[in-house]
Amino acid sequence: MAIEPDGAAKAFMHTQGLPWLEADEDRLREALAPLRAFHDATAAAHAEARRPVRQLVESGRGEVPEALAAHWDAVSSLFGRVLAAKDVIALGCERTVAEIEAGKTTLLAQVVALMKEEAEATLAAPATGGASLAAFADTAAVTRTVMTNQLAQAVTGMREETGRVLRDPDVSRLSAVRTDLPGGAVGSTAGGATGSVGGMAGATGGAAGALEAGAAVAGAGVGGMYGGAAGGMAGRASGEPDTGTLVDHNEGKRTASRLDEVARALRADALPPLTELHAELTALGGGEHGAPVAGALKTVADHLTDAVTALADHLSGTLRSAVLAASATQAETDDDTRRAISGDPGP
């Protein structure tokens, strides 16, 4: 329960012009629950996406699964960034709650002590000819100054905790998750997946260099998420030896389907807690001193929303399409191999 002066203390503070820390620590404490729900949903999606990708990588051999593994490592690291940022935000909330509670406790102790002095001065007034009330007035003035300084210290402590959150490397880079995904901002959308499909299609027939650019997970342009230059994934020239199986075709289809399911679950389970978090922070911002904290944390919450949306878009868009492309080209390779063995000239 938030620390607040009771009715009598509020009236006394108003009469004496005493300051108070206007921030609702309960609201900030309640923000921890949606943060935990967000963490659980995001961590679960991370694990559920990793499992089928790992199985797909292990089902094949050659540069394609190796580059797919490198691509996933980059995506996985961004999941890690989001989860680490959440931990920093939660810790910052806890520390800010402690700053608010400590500040209010200190201020309230001053109020209680001054109320006692007023009561004693009032009782002694007849015997002292009012001198006790004059002395109390001096004491009240000193207390007012002390409380003003104590309030400033508490607000500074709150500001420092918020600043610590905002300066954290993982938190400050939340807004860059979408562009840091393999392929950048274009590759992280469903539209950007088209480039990855074209790039992966060039792996047909044993591509030694099919995903060399993809291993660096930094491509853009025609090669989609795995490459920069056109033809960067064109594969080996006709007649060069095959480097091995790309990926298991059926495993690829299962992986693509599972990635789509995980992306839907991530949106459904991780985004609603962030909406709830936003509501709690809006309520926190109703107090004069809580408003700056709420404003900063709401911006961070918006960045969390964008980051997890980008990850979900990438799983169901670029990565899923790339997996399907690799799977399709492997099926074509298998068909060509069967026809060659059987002597069937094919279509």
Protein backbone atom coordinates (compact mmCIF):
# COMPACT_ATOMS: atom_id res chain seq x y z
CA MET A 1 0.00 0.00 0.00
CA ALA A 2 1.32 3.43 -0.95
CA ILE A 3 2.72 5.57 1.84
CA GLU A 4 0.46 8.60 2.19
CA PRO A 5 -0.38 11.01 5.02
CA ASP A 6 -3.80 10.53 6.59
CA GLY A 7 -6.51 13.18 6.56
CA ALA A 8 -5.28 15.03 9.65
CA ALA A 9 -1.70 15.03 8.41
CA LYS A 10 -2.75 16.30 4.96
CA ALA A 11 -4.67 19.17 6.53
CA PHE A 12 -1.69 20.03 8.73
CA MET A 13 0.70 19.93 5.76
CA HIS A 14 -1.58 22.20 3.78
CA THR A 15 -1.74 24.68 6.66
CA GLN A 16 2.02 24.68 7.16
CA GLY A 17 2.89 24.64 3.47
CA LEU A 18 4.90 21.41 3.74
CA PRO A 19 6.01 19.60 0.53
CA TRP A 20 5.19 16.01 -0.41
CA LEU A 21 6.47 13.47 -2.91
CA GLU A 22 3.75 13.11 -5.55
CA ALA A 23 4.35 9.65 -7.00
CA ASP A 24 2.41 6.40 -6.64
CA GLU A 25 4.86 3.64 -5.78
CA ASP A 26 2.06 1.06 -5.87
CA ARG A 27 1.43 1.76 -9.55
CA LEU A 28 5.09 1.34 -10.32
CA ARG A 29 5.22 -1.87 -8.29
CA GLU A 30 2.19 -3.19 -10.17
CA ALA A 31 4.06 -2.59 -13.43
CA LEU A 32 6.33 -5.50 -12.50
CA ALA A 33 3.56 -8.05 -13.09
CA PRO A 34 3.07 -7.30 -16.81
CA LEU A 35 6.85 -7.16 -17.20
CA ARG A 36 7.08 -10.69 -15.81
CA ALA A 37 4.30 -11.86 -18.12
CA PHE A 38 6.08 -10.26 -21.07
CA HIS A 39 9.34 -11.97 -20.11
CA ASP A 40 7.70 -15.38 -19.81
CA ALA A 41 5.97 -15.08 -23.20
CA THR A 42 9.09 -13.83 -24.98
CA ALA A 43 11.37 -16.43 -23.41
CA ALA A 44 8.92 -19.18 -24.35
CA ALA A 45 8.76 -17.99 -27.96
CA HIS A 46 12.53 -17.84 -28.12
CA ALA A 47 12.82 -21.45 -26.95
CA GLU A 48 9.99 -22.67 -29.20
CA ALA A 49 11.53 -21.05 -32.29
CA ARG A 50 15.02 -22.32 -31.50
CA ARG A 51 13.93 -25.96 -31.33
CA PRO A 52 12.68 -26.44 -34.94
CA VAL A 53 15.48 -24.34 -36.40
CA ARG A 54 18.06 -26.46 -34.61
CA GLN A 55 16.37 -29.65 -35.84
CA LEU A 56 16.38 -28.31 -39.39
CA VAL A 57 20.05 -27.38 -39.22
CA GLU A 58 20.93 -30.81 -37.88
CA SER A 59 18.94 -32.51 -40.64
CA GLY A 60 21.32 -31.35 -43.38
CA ARG A 61 24.91 -30.54 -44.17
CA GLY A 62 26.78 -27.96 -46.21
CA GLU A 63 26.77 -24.19 -46.35
CA VAL A 64 22.99 -23.74 -46.33
CA PRO A 65 22.33 -25.20 -42.85
CA GLU A 66 25.52 -23.58 -41.58
CA ALA A 67 24.36 -20.17 -42.75
CA LEU A 68 20.87 -20.83 -41.40
CA ALA A 69 22.49 -21.54 -38.04
CA ALA A 70 24.44 -18.27 -38.24
CA HIS A 71 21.25 -16.43 -39.13
CA TRP A 72 19.43 -17.92 -36.16
CA ASP A 73 22.31 -16.99 -33.86
CA ALA A 74 21.81 -13.35 -34.85
CA VAL A 75 18.05 -13.53 -34.25
CA SER A 76 18.60 -15.35 -30.96
CA SER A 77 20.98 -12.65 -29.75
CA LEU A 78 18.25 -10.06 -30.33
CA PHE A 79 15.81 -12.11 -28.28
CA GLY A 80 18.51 -12.04 -25.63
CA ARG A 81 18.76 -8.26 -25.90
CA VAL A 82 15.02 -7.85 -25.37
CA LEU A 83 14.98 -10.19 -22.36
CA ALA A 84 18.03 -8.54 -20.81
CA ALA A 85 16.45 -5.12 -21.29
CA LYS A 86 13.31 -6.31 -19.53
CA ASP A 87 15.41 -7.39 -16.53
CA VAL A 88 17.06 -3.97 -16.37
CA ILE A 89 13.70 -2.21 -16.61
CA ALA A 90 12.21 -4.37 -13.84
CA LEU A 91 15.19 -3.75 -11.58
CA GLY A 92 14.96 -0.02 -12.29
CA CYS A 93 11.27 -0.07 -11.31
CA GLU A 94 12.08 -1.86 -8.06
CA ARG A 95 14.81 0.60 -7.20
CA THR A 96 12.61 3.57 -8.05
CA VAL A 97 9.88 2.16 -5.80
CA ALA A 98 12.47 1.97 -3.02
CA GLU A 99 13.47 5.61 -3.65
CA ILE A 100 9.85 6.76 -3.49
CA GLU A 101 9.14 4.79 -0.32
CA ALA A 102 12.30 6.01 1.39
CA GLY A 103 11.54 9.61 0.43
CA LYS A 104 7.95 9.43 1.64
CA THR A 105 8.95 7.73 4.89
CA THR A 106 11.48 10.46 5.61
CA LEU A 107 9.02 13.24 4.83
CA LEU A 108 6.22 11.66 6.82
CA ALA A 109 8.49 11.34 9.87
CA GLN A 110 9.10 15.10 9.69
CA VAL A 111 5.36 15.76 9.49
CA VAL A 112 4.57 13.55 12.48
CA ALA A 113 7.30 15.17 14.57
CA LEU A 114 6.15 18.67 13.67
CA MET A 115 2.51 17.83 14.44
CA LYS A 116 3.62 16.69 17.89
CA GLU A 117 5.53 19.92 18.42
CA GLU A 118 2.50 21.95 17.41
CA ALA A 119 0.32 20.09 19.89
CA GLU A 120 2.85 20.67 22.68
CA ALA A 121 3.26 24.36 21.76
CA THR A 122 -0.51 24.83 21.76
CA LEU A 123 -0.81 23.29 25.22
CA ALA A 124 2.00 25.47 26.57
CA ALA A 125 0.74 28.67 24.97
CA PRO A 126 -1.38 29.91 27.94
CA ALA A 127 1.51 29.48 30.35
CA THR A 128 4.08 31.05 28.04
CA GLY A 129 2.00 33.92 26.83
CA GLY A 130 2.13 32.56 23.30
CA ALA A 131 5.91 32.29 23.19
CA SER A 132 5.71 28.56 22.57
CA LEU A 133 3.65 29.17 19.42
CA ALA A 134 6.20 31.67 18.15
CA ALA A 135 8.95 29.12 18.73
CA PHE A 136 6.88 26.53 16.90
CA ALA A 137 6.56 28.86 13.91
CA ASP A 138 10.34 29.06 13.72
CA THR A 139 10.59 25.28 13.97
CA ALA A 140 8.00 24.86 11.22
CA ALA A 141 9.99 27.14 8.92
CA VAL A 142 13.16 25.14 9.51
CA THR A 143 11.28 21.87 8.96
CA ARG A 144 9.81 23.20 5.73
CA THR A 145 13.30 23.87 4.40
CA VAL A 146 14.56 20.47 5.54
CA MET A 147 11.63 18.72 3.88
CA THR A 148 12.15 20.65 0.65
CA ASN A 149 15.74 19.42 0.57
CA GLN A 150 14.67 15.87 1.38
CA LEU A 151 12.10 15.96 -1.41
CA ALA A 152 14.76 17.16 -3.85
CA GLN A 153 17.03 14.28 -2.81
CA ALA A 154 14.24 11.75 -3.34
CA VAL A 155 13.40 13.16 -6.78
CA THR A 156 17.09 13.09 -7.69
CA GLY A 157 17.26 9.45 -6.63
CA MET A 158 14.25 8.62 -8.80
CA ARG A 159 15.79 10.45 -11.74
CA GLU A 160 19.09 8.62 -11.30
CA GLU A 161 17.39 5.23 -11.29
CA THR A 162 15.45 6.10 -14.43
CA GLY A 163 18.62 7.37 -16.09
CA ARG A 164 20.42 4.16 -15.20
CA VAL A 165 17.71 2.21 -17.03
CA LEU A 166 17.81 4.44 -20.10
CA ARG A 167 21.61 4.29 -20.35
CA ASP A 168 21.78 0.51 -20.18
CA PRO A 169 23.17 -0.84 -23.49
CA ASP A 170 20.41 -3.39 -24.00
CA VAL A 171 17.65 -0.90 -23.19
CA SER A 172 19.14 1.87 -25.33
CA ARG A 173 19.40 -0.51 -28.30
CA LEU A 174 15.81 -1.78 -28.13
CA SER A 175 14.78 0.70 -30.81
CA ALA A 176 17.42 -0.80 -33.12
CA VAL A 177 16.20 -4.40 -32.92
CA ARG A 178 14.21 -4.12 -36.14
CA THR A 179 17.17 -2.80 -38.12
CA ASP A 180 19.64 -5.14 -36.41
CA LEU A 181 17.74 -8.22 -37.56
CA PRO A 182 19.50 -10.11 -40.38
CA GLY A 183 18.71 -8.18 -43.52
CA GLY A 184 17.89 -4.99 -41.65
CA ALA A 185 14.57 -3.20 -41.60
CA VAL A 186 13.57 -4.49 -45.04
CA GLY A 187 14.51 -8.07 -44.32
CA SER A 188 12.57 -8.11 -41.07
CA THR A 189 9.23 -7.62 -42.78
CA ALA A 190 7.14 -10.01 -44.77
CA GLY A 191 7.86 -7.98 -47.89
CA GLY A 192 11.59 -8.31 -47.34
CA ALA A 193 11.17 -12.04 -47.24
CA THR A 194 10.74 -12.03 -50.99
CA GLY A 195 14.41 -11.23 -51.40
CA SER A 196 15.40 -14.06 -49.14
CA VAL A 197 13.32 -16.52 -51.13
CA GLY A 198 15.07 -15.50 -54.31
CA GLY A 199 18.41 -15.73 -52.63
CA MET A 200 17.81 -19.15 -51.15
CA ALA A 201 16.54 -20.44 -54.47
CA GLY A 202 20.00 -19.99 -55.89
CA ALA A 203 21.22 -22.77 -53.65
CA THR A 204 19.85 -25.46 -55.94
CA GLY A 205 22.33 -28.05 -57.09
CA GLY A 206 24.92 -27.94 -54.33
CA ALA A 207 25.83 -24.32 -53.74
CA ALA A 208 29.20 -24.02 -52.07
CA GLY A 209 28.82 -20.27 -51.77
CA ALA A 210 25.07 -20.24 -51.48
CA LEU A 211 24.88 -18.56 -48.10
CA GLU A 212 28.36 -17.20 -47.53
CA ALA A 213 26.94 -13.70 -47.19
CA GLY A 214 24.22 -15.11 -44.95
CA ALA A 215 26.76 -16.36 -42.45
CA ALA A 216 27.63 -12.75 -41.78
CA VAL A 217 23.91 -11.96 -41.43
CA ALA A 218 24.36 -8.47 -42.70
CA GLY A 219 22.97 -8.47 -46.23
CA ALA A 220 20.47 -6.33 -48.03
CA GLY A 221 19.30 -5.66 -51.59
CA VAL A 222 18.64 -8.41 -54.10
CA GLY A 223 19.97 -11.16 -51.86
CA GLY A 224 17.36 -10.41 -49.21
CA MET A 225 18.34 -11.27 -45.68
CA TYR A 226 21.29 -13.38 -46.76
CA GLY A 227 23.15 -11.30 -49.24
CA GLY A 228 23.99 -8.01 -50.82
CA ALA A 229 24.96 -8.39 -54.47
CA ALA A 230 22.72 -9.94 -57.08
CA GLY A 231 23.74 -13.52 -57.60
CA GLY A 232 25.49 -13.59 -54.24
CA MET A 233 23.76 -16.87 -53.65
CA ALA A 234 23.88 -18.16 -57.19
CA GLY A 235 25.67 -21.33 -56.19
CA ARG A 236 28.40 -23.21 -57.94
CA ALA A 237 28.72 -23.33 -61.67
CA SER A 238 27.34 -26.32 -63.50
CA GLY A 239 29.60 -29.31 -63.26
CA GLU A 240 31.31 -28.44 -59.98
CA PRO A 241 31.02 -31.03 -57.22
CA ASP A 242 28.08 -30.94 -54.84
CA THR A 243 28.94 -29.90 -51.28
CA GLY A 244 26.21 -31.98 -49.70
CA THR A 245 22.58 -31.99 -48.72
CA LEU A 246 21.07 -28.56 -48.13
CA VAL A 247 18.30 -29.36 -45.67
CA ASP A 248 15.72 -32.07 -45.18
CA HIS A 249 12.72 -31.03 -47.29
CA ASN A 250 9.99 -32.25 -44.94
CA GLU A 251 11.81 -30.91 -41.89
CA GLY A 252 11.92 -27.54 -43.63
CA LYS A 253 8.17 -27.49 -44.11
CA ARG A 254 7.61 -28.43 -40.46
CA THR A 255 10.02 -25.71 -39.35
CA ALA A 256 8.31 -23.05 -41.44
CA SER A 257 4.92 -24.00 -40.05
CA ARG A 258 6.21 -23.97 -36.49
CA LEU A 259 7.87 -20.57 -36.92
CA ASP A 260 4.54 -19.15 -38.05
CA GLU A 261 2.82 -20.61 -34.98
CA VAL A 262 5.49 -19.24 -32.64
CA ALA A 263 5.21 -15.77 -34.18
CA ARG A 264 1.44 -15.75 -33.65
CA ALA A 265 1.86 -16.87 -30.05
CA LEU A 266 4.52 -14.21 -29.45
CA ARG A 267 2.19 -11.47 -30.64
CA ALA A 268 -0.76 -12.87 -28.70
CA ASP A 269 1.07 -13.45 -25.41
CA ALA A 270 3.81 -10.80 -25.23
CA LEU A 271 2.05 -7.70 -26.54
CA PRO A 272 -1.00 -7.54 -24.19
CA PRO A 273 1.22 -7.30 -21.05
CA LEU A 274 2.95 -4.31 -22.63
CA THR A 275 -0.45 -2.64 -23.13
CA GLU A 276 -1.15 -3.26 -19.45
CA LEU A 277 2.28 -1.87 -18.55
CA HIS A 278 1.51 1.28 -20.52
CA ALA A 279 -1.75 1.72 -18.57
CA GLU A 280 0.01 1.36 -15.21
CA LEU A 281 2.65 3.90 -16.20
CA THR A 282 -0.02 6.32 -17.39
CA ALA A 283 -1.64 6.13 -13.95
CA LEU A 284 1.76 6.62 -12.31
CA GLY A 285 2.21 9.78 -14.35
CA GLY A 286 -0.69 11.41 -12.52
CA GLY A 287 1.68 12.63 -9.81
CA GLU A 288 3.97 15.60 -10.34
CA HIS A 289 7.13 13.72 -9.44
CA GLY A 290 6.05 10.41 -10.92
CA ALA A 291 5.33 11.93 -14.33
CA PRO A 292 8.95 12.13 -15.58
CA VAL A 293 9.58 8.52 -14.52
CA ALA A 294 6.37 7.35 -16.16
CA GLY A 295 7.15 9.24 -19.36
CA ALA A 296 10.62 7.73 -19.69
CA LEU A 297 9.42 4.20 -18.95
CA LYS A 298 6.48 4.52 -21.37
CA THR A 299 8.98 5.31 -24.11
CA VAL A 300 10.95 2.21 -23.17
CA ALA A 301 7.73 0.17 -23.17
CA ASP A 302 7.03 1.43 -26.71
CA HIS A 303 10.50 0.25 -27.74
CA LEU A 304 9.81 -3.17 -26.19
CA THR A 305 6.61 -3.36 -28.21
CA ASP A 306 8.38 -2.49 -31.45
CA ALA A 307 11.21 -4.92 -30.73
CA VAL A 308 9.02 -7.94 -30.01
CA THR A 309 6.79 -7.10 -32.98
CA ALA A 310 9.86 -7.00 -35.20
CA LEU A 311 10.98 -10.40 -33.90
CA ALA A 312 7.55 -11.89 -34.54
CA ASP A 313 7.46 -10.38 -38.04
CA HIS A 314 10.88 -11.83 -38.76
CA LEU A 315 9.95 -15.34 -37.60
CA SER A 316 6.77 -15.49 -39.68
CA GLY A 317 8.12 -13.46 -42.58
CA THR A 318 11.75 -13.43 -43.60
CA LEU A 319 12.98 -16.49 -41.72
CA ARG A 320 9.96 -18.64 -42.53
CA SER A 321 10.16 -17.74 -46.24
CA ALA A 322 13.87 -18.46 -46.32
CA VAL A 323 13.34 -21.86 -44.75
CA LEU A 324 10.61 -22.65 -47.27
CA ALA A 325 12.88 -21.55 -50.12
CA ALA A 326 15.69 -23.81 -48.93
CA SER A 327 13.22 -26.65 -48.50
CA ALA A 328 11.77 -26.16 -52.00
CA THR A 329 15.17 -26.06 -53.67
CA GLN A 330 16.14 -29.24 -51.84
CA ALA A 331 13.00 -30.96 -53.12
CA GLU A 332 13.89 -29.93 -56.67
CA THR A 333 17.42 -31.25 -56.18
CA ASP A 334 16.05 -34.55 -54.89
CA ASP A 335 13.74 -34.83 -57.91
CA ASP A 336 16.62 -34.14 -60.30
CA THR A 337 18.73 -36.76 -58.55
CA ARG A 338 15.98 -39.40 -58.76
CA ARG A 339 15.45 -38.71 -62.45
CA ALA A 340 19.18 -38.94 -63.13
CA ILE A 341 19.43 -42.29 -61.35
CA SER A 342 16.38 -43.70 -63.10
CA GLY A 343 17.38 -42.37 -66.50
CA ASP A 344 14.19 -40.35 -66.74
CA PRO A 345 14.92 -37.22 -68.81
CA GLY A 346 12.29 -35.37 -66.79
CA PRO A 347 10.06 -32.55 -67.87
